[in-house]
Amino acid sequence: MAARASVEGLQFADDKKEYIINTLDPVLEAMVGEVMSKMPNDPVEFMIDFLSSRTTERPAEPARSLQEQNKFLRSQLNNMKSFVGEVGEMLVADANAAAGGDGGNEKEEEASEEEEDDDEGDDEPPPPPPSTMRARQSVSAEAYGMWNQKKDFDPPKYEKTAEQTERLKGILKESFLFSKLGEKDLDVILLAMKQSVFEPGQRIINEGDDGDYLFVIEEGKPECKKLIDGEQKVVKTCSVGDVFGELALLYNSKRAASVDATDKCVAWQLDRETFTHIVKEAASKQTNLYKDFLKKVSVFFALDNYQLSQISDALKSETRKKDEYIVRQGEQGNRFYIVESGTLEAFKKADGASEEVKVMEYSTGSYFGELAMLKDQPRAASVKVTSDTAVVLYMERKSFKGMIGSLIELLSKSN
C-alpha cells in the first residue's frame, strides 16, 4: 500500500505505475534490505550477486558466458539506479510545486502585493524533502545548489603527539576511505580526528540514530549488532584499523547498526562536515582524475565509464625515487602497476648469468606486473625507477581478482 500511495502521484502512465508497484518495488525493497542487513564492503558487487541469485527463479534462458552475465546484471543495476534517480527528481519537483501551500486569504493578498516587486528577480527554490532518495555510485561528493550553499570550511583541530599522529596515519592509509587522500588532505583529517575512549559494555552508536561521526578503531574489538527478529544479534566483530559509522555519512542515512564496546575501546572520531569537505570530495575528484588518465591507456580503450570507475576506485598511488625497485625478479607478485608519471626500466637475469639485462622501458601509460597476477607465477623481471621520481598506480591482488571479466580479459588478450 505504501508503494502504491507513493507512486500514484507520479507523472507516469498507468502501466508503468503498475510495473513499479508489482515488479520493481519488491526487488528494490528486498535488495536494499539485504544490503543494510549485511553491510558489505562492496555494496555494488553484493547487489550484483543478489540480482544474480534472483535470476535462478526465472525460466531457463540460452546459456551465457560469465562475462555476458555480469555485463547484463550491471546493465540491469544501472537501469534501476537511473530509474530510482528519475523518481527522486519527480518527487522533488512535486514537493517544490506544493511548497506554497494555503496560508489563508490574508497571506495570499500579501503575497500578491509583493509579486510585482519580486517578478524581476529569480525565486530561490525551497530545499527538497530530507527523506528524498538519492542513488549513490561509489563515493560521491556532497550536492550543492541554491538551497544548499557551499560555505567556507574551517576544520576542527585536536593536537596530538608525534607518536599518536604516526600511529593514526598508518591506520588511515590502510583504510579504503582514506587511502586516496593526498598528504595535505590527510594532515587535515589527522588534526580533525578526536580521540574517544569507551569502557566495556558501553554503547558507541545506536541503530536508527542520526549519524554525525565515523570512528576508526585504534584499540579494542567492538561488536556491531542489528535488531533481527526482535533480538540484538552480532553481525560483525571489529578489530584495529576498522572503520564503522561511515554508512550514515556516505548515504546521509540513519545508523544501520549498533556498536558496543566489549573491552576497552580507543577510537578516533571524525565529524560529518570534515568528512564531507575532505574525504568525499577528495575521493570523488581522485576517481575522476584516474578515469581521465585510464582513458589514455591503450589497454583500457574498450571499457565504458562504469568499468573505468570500478578500476579507478580500486587504484592506489605511490611515489618512488630514482634507482628504487618497484618489483624484483622471482618474488611473489601481489600488485598490478600503471605508470602515471616518470620512467622505469625492466631488467632480467637469465639462469646462471651474473648481470641483469634490460628488457623493457616504461613511461606514462605503461603497465606491468599483470603476468604474475594472471598466471599466479613469480615476477619474471625486476623493475626500477630511472627518472628522478616516478608515480605509479597499483591495484592489489584481491581487487585485481575481484574485477568483473573486463579487466582480466583485456590484459589476457594483450599478452
Foldseek 3Di string as FASTA:
>chain_A
DVLLVLLVPFPDPPVVSCCCVPPVVVLVVVLVVVCLVQVDPDSVVVSLVVVVVVCVVDPDDPDDDLLVSSVVSVVVVVVSLVVLQVSLVRQQVVCQVCVVDDPDPVVVVVCVVCCVVCVVDDDQTEDGDLPRAHRDDDQAADDDDSNRHDDDDDAAFDDDDPVLLVLVLVLQCVDLLRVAADPVLSVSQSRRWDKDKDAAFDWDDAFFAQFFKKKAWQDAWKFWWDQDPNDTDTSDIDGHSDIPSCVCLRRVGTHSTIIGTRHITMIIMHGSVSCNVRRSVSLVVQLVVQLVLLCPQVLCVPPDPSLSSLVSSQKGKDKDFAPDWPFAFPAQQFKKKAWQAAKKWKWAADVPRDDTDTDDIDGHNDIDRVVCLLVVGTHRTIMGGHDRMTMMMMGGSVSVVVRRPSVSVSVVVVD
